[in-house]
Every structure is written in structure tokens, then in C-alpha cells.
Amino acid sequence: MAQDENVYYSSTGEEFQNPFTETFASPDVIPELELTDVSQVGLLLGFISVGLFILYANFKVIMDEMKRHAKFEQDIEEAELTLQNEYKVDQAELDQIKREFAQIESGEIGQKNGEEDDEMADIN
């Protein structure tokens, strides 16, 4: 029995033809894309709505950051008042604490090596 080149058999013995060809569709077969007035309006509305959403999201992120910074500053002021009122820390000591904090944050003082970081990583 001679097998046709485009006929194949499944594992159950069913016969089917090769759905793939070795030729490509010519550009004449592919229809030209035509943008109608309705599709242009849809595209325009889509772009506008996405743009407005992006602007809104950026606005909300900026507003959230502003609120966080204001809350952080308020928390620092409350902590300073607590130190002064409850723990009787004077202004000179408070200024020293602020300077030390600034130096630690800038990296001027602090850990000489990463040993403490490694220890904390092991703990966490």
C-alpha cells in the first residue's frame, strides 16, 4: 500500500491529512486593515482612558508619599517630645542623637564589616 504524502495516521489508526503546507499565504490573501470612523473613535477613547488612569495612579502615588513623609515627621516630633518629657532628655542630648543618626544613615560611622549584617540575616 503506497502512502500519500499528505495523509497521516493517528495512534488509533485514523487517517487524516497534513494540515500544514510548505507554502506561505501571499499578501493578496491577507485583507488590508481598514480603520473605520468607529474604530478610530474606539482607539482614541482607549488611549485617553489609559492615559487618564496612568495620570491618576501617579497622582495617588505622589499624594501617598507626601502623606507618609508628613506622618514620619510627625512621628519624629512626637518621639522627641516623649524623650524630653518622659525621659528628661535635654536639647543638647537630642541634638547629639540626631547627629549620630545622620552619621549612621550616611555611612560615616557604623559597621566596619558585614559581620553584624550576616548575624542579623541568620536571625531573620
N, C-alpha and C. Protein backbone atom coordinates (compact mmCIF):
# COMPACT_ATOMS: atom_id res chain seq x y z
N MET A 1 0.85 -1.18 0.00
CA MET A 1 0.00 0.00 0.00
C MET A 1 0.89 1.24 0.00
N ALA A 2 0.74 2.08 -0.96
CA ALA A 2 1.52 3.30 -1.08
C ALA A 2 0.85 4.40 -0.26
N GLN A 3 1.67 5.07 0.54
CA GLN A 3 1.10 6.13 1.37
C GLN A 3 1.18 7.45 0.63
N ASP A 4 0.08 8.19 0.69
CA ASP A 4 0.06 9.53 0.12
C ASP A 4 0.90 10.43 1.03
N GLU A 5 1.57 11.39 0.44
CA GLU A 5 2.46 12.27 1.18
C GLU A 5 1.72 13.12 2.21
N ASN A 6 0.49 13.49 1.94
CA ASN A 6 -0.27 14.35 2.84
C ASN A 6 -1.24 13.59 3.73
N VAL A 7 -1.18 12.29 3.75
CA VAL A 7 -2.07 11.51 4.61
C VAL A 7 -1.25 10.91 5.74
N TYR A 8 -1.78 11.08 6.97
CA TYR A 8 -1.10 10.58 8.16
C TYR A 8 -2.09 9.72 8.94
N TYR A 9 -1.54 8.92 9.85
CA TYR A 9 -2.38 8.03 10.65
C TYR A 9 -2.13 8.29 12.12
N SER A 10 -3.21 8.37 12.89
CA SER A 10 -3.09 8.60 14.33
C SER A 10 -2.74 7.29 15.01
N SER A 11 -2.53 7.34 16.34
CA SER A 11 -2.17 6.13 17.08
C SER A 11 -3.32 5.12 17.10
N THR A 12 -4.54 5.58 16.83
CA THR A 12 -5.69 4.67 16.79
C THR A 12 -5.94 4.15 15.38
N GLY A 13 -5.12 4.58 14.42
CA GLY A 13 -5.26 4.11 13.06
C GLY A 13 -6.13 5.00 12.19
N GLU A 14 -6.63 6.12 12.76
CA GLU A 14 -7.47 7.01 11.96
C GLU A 14 -6.61 7.77 10.96
N GLU A 15 -7.17 7.99 9.79
CA GLU A 15 -6.45 8.67 8.72
C GLU A 15 -6.79 10.15 8.75
N PHE A 16 -5.76 10.99 8.62
CA PHE A 16 -6.02 12.42 8.50
C PHE A 16 -4.97 13.00 7.57
N GLN A 17 -5.30 14.17 7.03
CA GLN A 17 -4.38 14.82 6.09
C GLN A 17 -3.52 15.83 6.82
N ASN A 18 -2.38 16.09 6.27
CA ASN A 18 -1.45 17.05 6.84
C ASN A 18 -2.07 18.45 6.76
N PRO A 19 -2.30 19.08 7.90
CA PRO A 19 -2.89 20.42 7.86
C PRO A 19 -1.86 21.50 7.51
N PHE A 20 -0.59 21.15 7.51
CA PHE A 20 0.45 22.12 7.25
C PHE A 20 0.92 22.01 5.80
N THR A 21 1.26 23.14 5.24
CA THR A 21 1.79 23.15 3.89
C THR A 21 3.14 23.83 3.93
N GLU A 22 3.86 23.70 2.88
CA GLU A 22 5.17 24.32 2.82
C GLU A 22 5.13 25.65 2.09
N THR A 23 3.97 26.14 1.80
CA THR A 23 3.84 27.44 1.14
C THR A 23 3.22 28.42 2.12
N PHE A 24 3.52 29.66 1.93
CA PHE A 24 3.00 30.71 2.78
C PHE A 24 1.88 31.44 2.06
N ALA A 25 1.03 32.09 2.84
CA ALA A 25 -0.05 32.87 2.24
C ALA A 25 0.55 34.09 1.56
N SER A 26 0.06 34.41 0.43
CA SER A 26 0.56 35.58 -0.29
C SER A 26 -0.12 36.83 0.26
N PRO A 27 0.49 37.98 0.09
CA PRO A 27 -0.13 39.21 0.58
C PRO A 27 -1.49 39.48 -0.05
N ASP A 28 -1.76 38.87 -1.19
CA ASP A 28 -3.06 39.08 -1.83
C ASP A 28 -4.18 38.44 -1.02
N VAL A 29 -3.85 37.40 -0.26
CA VAL A 29 -4.87 36.69 0.50
C VAL A 29 -5.24 37.44 1.78
N ILE A 30 -4.27 38.15 2.36
CA ILE A 30 -4.49 38.86 3.63
C ILE A 30 -5.22 40.16 3.33
N PRO A 31 -6.37 40.38 3.96
CA PRO A 31 -7.11 41.61 3.69
C PRO A 31 -6.40 42.82 4.30
N GLU A 32 -6.56 43.95 3.66
CA GLU A 32 -5.99 45.19 4.16
C GLU A 32 -6.74 45.63 5.41
N LEU A 33 -6.00 46.17 6.37
CA LEU A 33 -6.62 46.67 7.60
C LEU A 33 -7.18 48.05 7.31
N GLU A 34 -8.46 48.20 7.53
CA GLU A 34 -9.11 49.49 7.30
C GLU A 34 -9.63 50.01 8.63
N LEU A 35 -9.21 51.21 8.98
CA LEU A 35 -9.70 51.83 10.21
C LEU A 35 -10.94 52.65 9.86
N THR A 36 -12.05 52.19 10.36
CA THR A 36 -13.28 52.94 10.15
C THR A 36 -13.35 54.06 11.18
N ASP A 37 -14.34 54.92 11.03
CA ASP A 37 -14.51 56.02 11.98
C ASP A 37 -14.79 55.48 13.39
N VAL A 38 -15.58 54.43 13.47
CA VAL A 38 -15.91 53.85 14.78
C VAL A 38 -14.66 53.26 15.44
N SER A 39 -13.82 52.58 14.66
CA SER A 39 -12.61 52.00 15.25
C SER A 39 -11.62 53.09 15.66
N GLN A 40 -11.56 54.18 14.92
CA GLN A 40 -10.69 55.30 15.30
C GLN A 40 -11.18 55.94 16.59
N VAL A 41 -12.49 56.10 16.74
CA VAL A 41 -13.04 56.65 17.97
C VAL A 41 -12.74 55.71 19.13
N GLY A 42 -12.88 54.40 18.91
CA GLY A 42 -12.57 53.43 19.97
C GLY A 42 -11.11 53.49 20.38
N LEU A 43 -10.21 53.59 19.40
CA LEU A 43 -8.79 53.70 19.72
C LEU A 43 -8.51 54.97 20.51
N LEU A 44 -9.10 56.08 20.08
CA LEU A 44 -8.90 57.36 20.75
C LEU A 44 -9.41 57.30 22.19
N LEU A 45 -10.60 56.77 22.39
CA LEU A 45 -11.14 56.66 23.75
C LEU A 45 -10.30 55.72 24.60
N GLY A 46 -9.80 54.64 24.02
CA GLY A 46 -8.94 53.72 24.76
C GLY A 46 -7.65 54.38 25.21
N PHE A 47 -7.00 55.10 24.30
CA PHE A 47 -5.76 55.78 24.67
C PHE A 47 -6.01 56.85 25.72
N ILE A 48 -7.10 57.59 25.59
CA ILE A 48 -7.41 58.64 26.56
C ILE A 48 -7.68 58.02 27.93
N SER A 49 -8.46 56.95 27.97
CA SER A 49 -8.78 56.34 29.27
C SER A 49 -7.54 55.75 29.92
N VAL A 50 -6.67 55.12 29.15
CA VAL A 50 -5.43 54.57 29.72
C VAL A 50 -4.53 55.71 30.21
N GLY A 51 -4.44 56.78 29.44
CA GLY A 51 -3.63 57.93 29.84
C GLY A 51 -4.15 58.55 31.13
N LEU A 52 -5.48 58.69 31.23
CA LEU A 52 -6.05 59.26 32.46
C LEU A 52 -5.81 58.34 33.65
N PHE A 53 -5.91 57.04 33.43
CA PHE A 53 -5.64 56.10 34.52
C PHE A 53 -4.20 56.22 35.00
N ILE A 54 -3.26 56.32 34.07
CA ILE A 54 -1.85 56.45 34.44
C ILE A 54 -1.61 57.75 35.21
N LEU A 55 -2.22 58.85 34.76
CA LEU A 55 -2.09 60.11 35.49
C LEU A 55 -2.68 60.00 36.90
N TYR A 56 -3.85 59.37 37.01
CA TYR A 56 -4.49 59.20 38.31
C TYR A 56 -3.61 58.34 39.24
N ALA A 57 -3.07 57.26 38.71
CA ALA A 57 -2.23 56.39 39.53
C ALA A 57 -0.98 57.13 40.01
N ASN A 58 -0.35 57.88 39.12
CA ASN A 58 0.83 58.66 39.52
C ASN A 58 0.47 59.70 40.57
N PHE A 59 -0.67 60.35 40.40
CA PHE A 59 -1.13 61.34 41.38
C PHE A 59 -1.33 60.70 42.74
N LYS A 60 -1.96 59.51 42.76
CA LYS A 60 -2.20 58.83 44.04
C LYS A 60 -0.89 58.40 44.70
N VAL A 61 0.08 57.96 43.91
CA VAL A 61 1.38 57.57 44.47
C VAL A 61 2.07 58.79 45.08
N ILE A 62 2.05 59.91 44.38
CA ILE A 62 2.69 61.13 44.90
C ILE A 62 1.99 61.60 46.17
N MET A 63 0.66 61.58 46.18
CA MET A 63 -0.07 62.01 47.37
C MET A 63 0.23 61.08 48.55
N ASP A 64 0.32 59.78 48.30
CA ASP A 64 0.63 58.82 49.36
C ASP A 64 2.02 59.08 49.93
N GLU A 65 2.98 59.36 49.07
CA GLU A 65 4.34 59.65 49.53
C GLU A 65 4.36 60.93 50.37
N MET A 66 3.61 61.93 49.96
CA MET A 66 3.56 63.17 50.73
C MET A 66 2.96 62.93 52.11
N LYS A 67 1.89 62.12 52.17
CA LYS A 67 1.27 61.80 53.46
C LYS A 67 2.23 61.00 54.34
N ARG A 68 2.96 60.06 53.74
CA ARG A 68 3.91 59.26 54.51
C ARG A 68 5.00 60.13 55.12
N HIS A 69 5.53 61.05 54.31
CA HIS A 69 6.60 61.92 54.82
C HIS A 69 6.07 62.81 55.94
N ALA A 70 4.86 63.34 55.78
CA ALA A 70 4.28 64.19 56.83
C ALA A 70 4.06 63.37 58.10
N LYS A 71 3.57 62.16 57.97
CA LYS A 71 3.36 61.28 59.13
C LYS A 71 4.69 60.94 59.79
N PHE A 72 5.72 60.69 58.99
CA PHE A 72 7.04 60.38 59.53
C PHE A 72 7.58 61.56 60.34
N GLU A 73 7.45 62.76 59.80
CA GLU A 73 7.92 63.95 60.52
C GLU A 73 7.14 64.14 61.82
N GLN A 74 5.84 63.88 61.77
CA GLN A 74 5.02 63.99 62.97
C GLN A 74 5.44 62.95 64.02
N ASP A 75 5.72 61.75 63.58
CA ASP A 75 6.17 60.69 64.50
C ASP A 75 7.50 61.06 65.14
N ILE A 76 8.39 61.69 64.38
CA ILE A 76 9.69 62.11 64.92
C ILE A 76 9.48 63.19 65.98
N GLU A 77 8.61 64.15 65.70
CA GLU A 77 8.34 65.21 66.68
C GLU A 77 7.74 64.63 67.96
N GLU A 78 6.82 63.67 67.81
CA GLU A 78 6.22 63.03 68.99
C GLU A 78 7.27 62.26 69.79
N ALA A 79 8.18 61.59 69.09
CA ALA A 79 9.24 60.84 69.78
C ALA A 79 10.18 61.78 70.51
N GLU A 80 10.48 62.92 69.91
CA GLU A 80 11.34 63.91 70.58
C GLU A 80 10.66 64.45 71.83
N LEU A 81 9.36 64.74 71.73
CA LEU A 81 8.63 65.23 72.90
C LEU A 81 8.59 64.16 74.00
N THR A 82 8.42 62.92 73.61
CA THR A 82 8.42 61.83 74.59
C THR A 82 9.78 61.74 75.28
N LEU A 83 10.85 61.85 74.51
CA LEU A 83 12.19 61.80 75.10
C LEU A 83 12.40 62.97 76.06
N GLN A 84 11.93 64.16 75.69
CA GLN A 84 12.13 65.32 76.54
C GLN A 84 11.24 65.29 77.77
N ASN A 85 9.98 64.90 77.61
CA ASN A 85 9.04 64.99 78.74
C ASN A 85 9.13 63.78 79.67
N GLU A 86 9.16 62.57 79.11
CA GLU A 86 9.12 61.39 79.96
C GLU A 86 10.51 60.94 80.41
N TYR A 87 11.50 61.09 79.53
CA TYR A 87 12.83 60.59 79.84
C TYR A 87 13.82 61.69 80.18
N LYS A 88 13.34 62.93 80.22
CA LYS A 88 14.13 64.10 80.63
C LYS A 88 15.43 64.25 79.85
N VAL A 89 15.34 64.06 78.53
CA VAL A 89 16.49 64.26 77.66
C VAL A 89 16.52 65.74 77.29
N ASP A 90 17.68 66.41 77.52
CA ASP A 90 17.74 67.84 77.18
C ASP A 90 18.05 68.03 75.70
N GLN A 91 18.01 69.26 75.27
CA GLN A 91 18.17 69.58 73.84
C GLN A 91 19.55 69.21 73.33
N ALA A 92 20.58 69.36 74.13
CA ALA A 92 21.94 69.01 73.70
C ALA A 92 22.04 67.51 73.42
N GLU A 93 21.47 66.68 74.29
CA GLU A 93 21.48 65.24 74.07
C GLU A 93 20.66 64.87 72.84
N LEU A 94 19.54 65.56 72.65
CA LEU A 94 18.69 65.31 71.50
C LEU A 94 19.43 65.65 70.19
N ASP A 95 20.17 66.76 70.21
CA ASP A 95 20.96 67.14 69.03
C ASP A 95 22.05 66.11 68.76
N GLN A 96 22.67 65.59 69.84
CA GLN A 96 23.70 64.56 69.68
C GLN A 96 23.10 63.29 69.06
N ILE A 97 21.90 62.90 69.49
CA ILE A 97 21.23 61.74 68.93
C ILE A 97 20.95 61.95 67.45
N LYS A 98 20.51 63.16 67.10
CA LYS A 98 20.22 63.46 65.69
C LYS A 98 21.49 63.39 64.84
N ARG A 99 22.61 63.93 65.37
CA ARG A 99 23.87 63.89 64.63
C ARG A 99 24.34 62.45 64.43
N GLU A 100 24.25 61.64 65.48
CA GLU A 100 24.66 60.24 65.37
C GLU A 100 23.79 59.49 64.35
N PHE A 101 22.51 59.78 64.38
CA PHE A 101 21.61 59.13 63.43
C PHE A 101 21.97 59.52 62.00
N ALA A 102 22.24 60.81 61.79
CA ALA A 102 22.61 61.27 60.45
C ALA A 102 23.90 60.62 59.98
N GLN A 103 24.87 60.47 60.90
CA GLN A 103 26.13 59.83 60.53
C GLN A 103 25.93 58.35 60.20
N ILE A 104 25.09 57.67 60.95
CA ILE A 104 24.83 56.26 60.67
C ILE A 104 24.12 56.12 59.32
N GLU A 105 23.14 56.99 59.08
CA GLU A 105 22.41 56.93 57.81
C GLU A 105 23.30 57.22 56.61
N SER A 106 24.25 58.13 56.79
CA SER A 106 25.14 58.48 55.68
C SER A 106 26.27 57.46 55.51
N GLY A 107 26.46 56.61 56.50
CA GLY A 107 27.50 55.60 56.41
C GLY A 107 28.84 56.05 56.96
N GLU A 108 28.88 57.25 57.57
CA GLU A 108 30.14 57.74 58.13
C GLU A 108 30.60 56.87 59.30
N ILE A 109 29.66 56.48 60.14
CA ILE A 109 30.01 55.59 61.24
C ILE A 109 29.08 54.38 61.14
N GLY A 110 29.46 53.36 61.83
CA GLY A 110 28.62 52.16 61.79
C GLY A 110 29.48 50.94 61.69
N GLN A 111 28.98 49.96 61.05
CA GLN A 111 29.65 48.68 60.97
C GLN A 111 30.88 48.77 60.07
N LYS A 112 31.96 48.22 60.56
CA LYS A 112 33.20 48.20 59.78
C LYS A 112 33.14 47.12 58.70
N ASN A 113 32.42 46.07 58.99
CA ASN A 113 32.28 44.99 58.01
C ASN A 113 30.86 44.48 58.09
N GLY A 114 30.55 43.50 57.29
CA GLY A 114 29.19 42.99 57.22
C GLY A 114 28.89 41.89 58.20
N GLU A 115 29.74 41.73 59.24
CA GLU A 115 29.52 40.63 60.18
C GLU A 115 28.19 40.75 60.90
N GLU A 116 27.87 41.96 61.37
CA GLU A 116 26.61 42.14 62.08
C GLU A 116 25.43 41.94 61.13
N ASP A 117 25.57 42.38 59.89
CA ASP A 117 24.51 42.16 58.91
C ASP A 117 24.30 40.67 58.69
N ASP A 118 25.40 39.93 58.62
CA ASP A 118 25.29 38.49 58.43
C ASP A 118 24.60 37.83 59.62
N GLU A 119 24.93 38.31 60.83
CA GLU A 119 24.30 37.76 62.02
C GLU A 119 22.81 38.04 62.02
N MET A 120 22.43 39.26 61.64
CA MET A 120 21.01 39.59 61.58
C MET A 120 20.30 38.80 60.49
N ALA A 121 20.96 38.56 59.40
CA ALA A 121 20.35 37.77 58.33
C ALA A 121 20.11 36.35 58.81
N ASP A 122 21.05 35.82 59.60
CA ASP A 122 20.87 34.46 60.13
C ASP A 122 19.70 34.43 61.12
N ILE A 123 19.56 35.49 61.90
CA ILE A 123 18.47 35.53 62.87
C ILE A 123 17.13 35.63 62.15
N ASN A 124 17.08 36.47 61.13
CA ASN A 124 15.83 36.66 60.42
C ASN A 124 15.57 35.51 59.50
